Amino acid sequence: MAERNLENITVTMTKEEKKSLKQAALDNDCSVSELIRRWLEEYRAKEAEK
């Protein structure tokens, strides 16, 4: 993997949302950070199509 300059972020959510996010990451065999990166890539691709 290429070297990255990483930043920490804080996200405010309910306990239920946090649990769901962790479960989604487990279901996809990845970390929550990777899940968010994947979502961001998909979002960027959709925006580029507009």
Protein backbone atom coordinates (compact mmCIF):
# COMPACT_ATOMS: atom_id res chain seq x y z
CA MET A 1 0.00 0.00 0.00
CA ALA A 2 1.22 3.50 -0.78
CA GLU A 3 2.32 5.68 2.11
CA ARG A 4 -0.43 8.03 3.26
CA ASN A 5 -0.58 11.14 5.37
CA LEU A 6 -3.34 10.13 7.76
CA GLU A 7 -5.56 12.39 9.84
CA ASN A 8 -7.75 11.48 12.78
CA ILE A 9 -11.38 12.59 12.76
CA THR A 10 -14.16 12.54 15.33
CA VAL A 11 -17.66 11.53 14.29
CA THR A 12 -20.63 12.06 16.57
CA MET A 13 -23.23 9.28 16.41
CA THR A 14 -25.53 7.25 18.57
CA LYS A 15 -24.44 3.96 20.13
CA GLU A 16 -26.76 2.16 17.71
CA GLU A 17 -25.16 3.88 14.71
CA LYS A 18 -21.68 3.04 15.99
CA LYS A 19 -22.66 -0.59 16.47
CA SER A 20 -24.16 -0.73 12.97
CA LEU A 21 -21.04 0.81 11.44
CA LYS A 22 -18.80 -1.71 13.21
CA GLN A 23 -21.05 -4.56 12.09
CA ALA A 24 -20.99 -3.34 8.49
CA ALA A 25 -17.19 -3.31 8.63
CA LEU A 26 -17.13 -6.84 10.05
CA ASP A 27 -19.56 -8.00 7.37
CA ASN A 28 -17.21 -6.58 4.72
CA ASP A 29 -14.10 -7.99 6.43
CA CYS A 30 -12.51 -4.56 6.81
CA SER A 31 -11.99 -1.79 9.34
CA VAL A 32 -14.42 1.07 9.86
CA SER A 33 -11.79 3.37 8.33
CA GLU A 34 -11.60 1.22 5.21
CA LEU A 35 -15.39 1.14 4.99
CA ILE A 36 -15.47 4.95 5.08
CA ARG A 37 -12.70 5.14 2.44
CA ARG A 38 -14.71 2.82 0.16
CA TRP A 39 -17.82 4.95 0.63
CA LEU A 40 -15.84 8.09 -0.14
CA GLU A 41 -14.45 6.57 -3.35
CA GLU A 42 -17.98 5.63 -4.45
CA TYR A 43 -19.27 9.09 -3.56
CA ARG A 44 -16.49 10.80 -5.51
CA ALA A 45 -17.15 8.59 -8.53
CA LYS A 46 -20.87 9.47 -8.47
CA GLU A 47 -20.09 13.18 -8.16
CA ALA A 48 -17.64 12.99 -11.06
CA GLU A 49 -20.42 11.56 -13.26
CA LYS A 50 -22.63 14.60 -12.71
